[in-house]
């Protein structure tokens, strides 16, 4: 026998029909706490209704709001939602379609929360100028929370992993119930007197009733009055308490508070190593530059010293002496060459040289040269100088050349 195969849309339509025809789901009222509240631009409101054991998706369409909602819907409110449960066929998910939403008796806590928050804010207890900085390198960290539970275990585990040398000091406190607020205040005041670096105040998540001790005014005042910086770590990331506003820093969870309070030793050592390496590089670079500068200054100083100047002058004088000697020698050689040339010329013009060729020098007895026949007279005594001596003679006659 062949089995019947259905399409997804057919299955979703069938289940939707079952929901719509179930009398109990056609008109139902559900009590719970609002979370994930989102106002859509179209006017629809999408939210989740939850309790300690479960949650259901809800929607109130814009058309239902004028008569079905008399207040601003916000996370943390305890409400009663009336409407019908049906299936959204496109995704096959069911949700509560709200026709009316009213505050539950627990909604009074939310209103009280808003009243305390407004009053303390007007008093300036949440002002940023009163926030104390959280020390980066805390060595002693106080913790106000329950002695047993996930919160203290998370803080211990993360603290040990990040820095095993940080000392954790626990002030056990009741964090839920009628006596919780006073217990938390005692823990804060006791740790504040111990000179610690920072204090973590918190617990795990829960409903607004579970967390109410951290909304009490006496807890907020104890946090505000403490000399020690305080990190609040109440609930999950979406939970917000008065203690969060009064604290110097809010952490979304106890684990996150431990991350903020205890510095990471391994990361710090790595950062320190990097700084040491950079400092070493910078120091070596500066030493190298300083050495070059020193060498330059030393050279400049040596050039200004009398010894350096004396050596420089001596070297210059030696060069000048060598140059002058070379110049004198060159000029002497030039003069010698010129003198030899002139001597040669003079030698060529010398009477003695001519005398060697048979010429002689004729003069009167007074040594006056006879240059013309007009310089002599008959019977005048003459002296003729030749190569190897003198000849004396008398003029017989003087006749011109023809």
Foldseek 3Di string as FASTA:
>chain_A
DDDDDDDLLVVLVVQQVVQCPDPDQQKDKDKFFWDPWDQDPQRKIWTWGDAPPDIFTEIEDNVLPVPAPDDDDDGQFIKIFIGGWGADSVVSGIGGYGNHIDGDPCNVLVVVLVVLLVVVVVVVLLPLVLQDDQDQAFQEEEEEEAPDDDLVVLLVVLLCQQPVRRHYHYQHADQADDCRLVRSLVSLVVVLVVPGQEYEYEDEAHHCRRRVSQQDPSNLVSQSPRPHQYEYAYYAQRDDHSNCSNGSHYDRHSNRVSPRNHHRPVVVVVVVVVVVVVVVVVVVVVVVVVVVVVVVVVVVVCCVDPVNVVVVVVVVVVVVVVVVVVVVVVVVVVVVVVVVVVVVVVVVVDVLVVLVVVAWFKDAPVRHGDDALVVADFQGWMWIGHNPGIDIDTHHDRDDDD
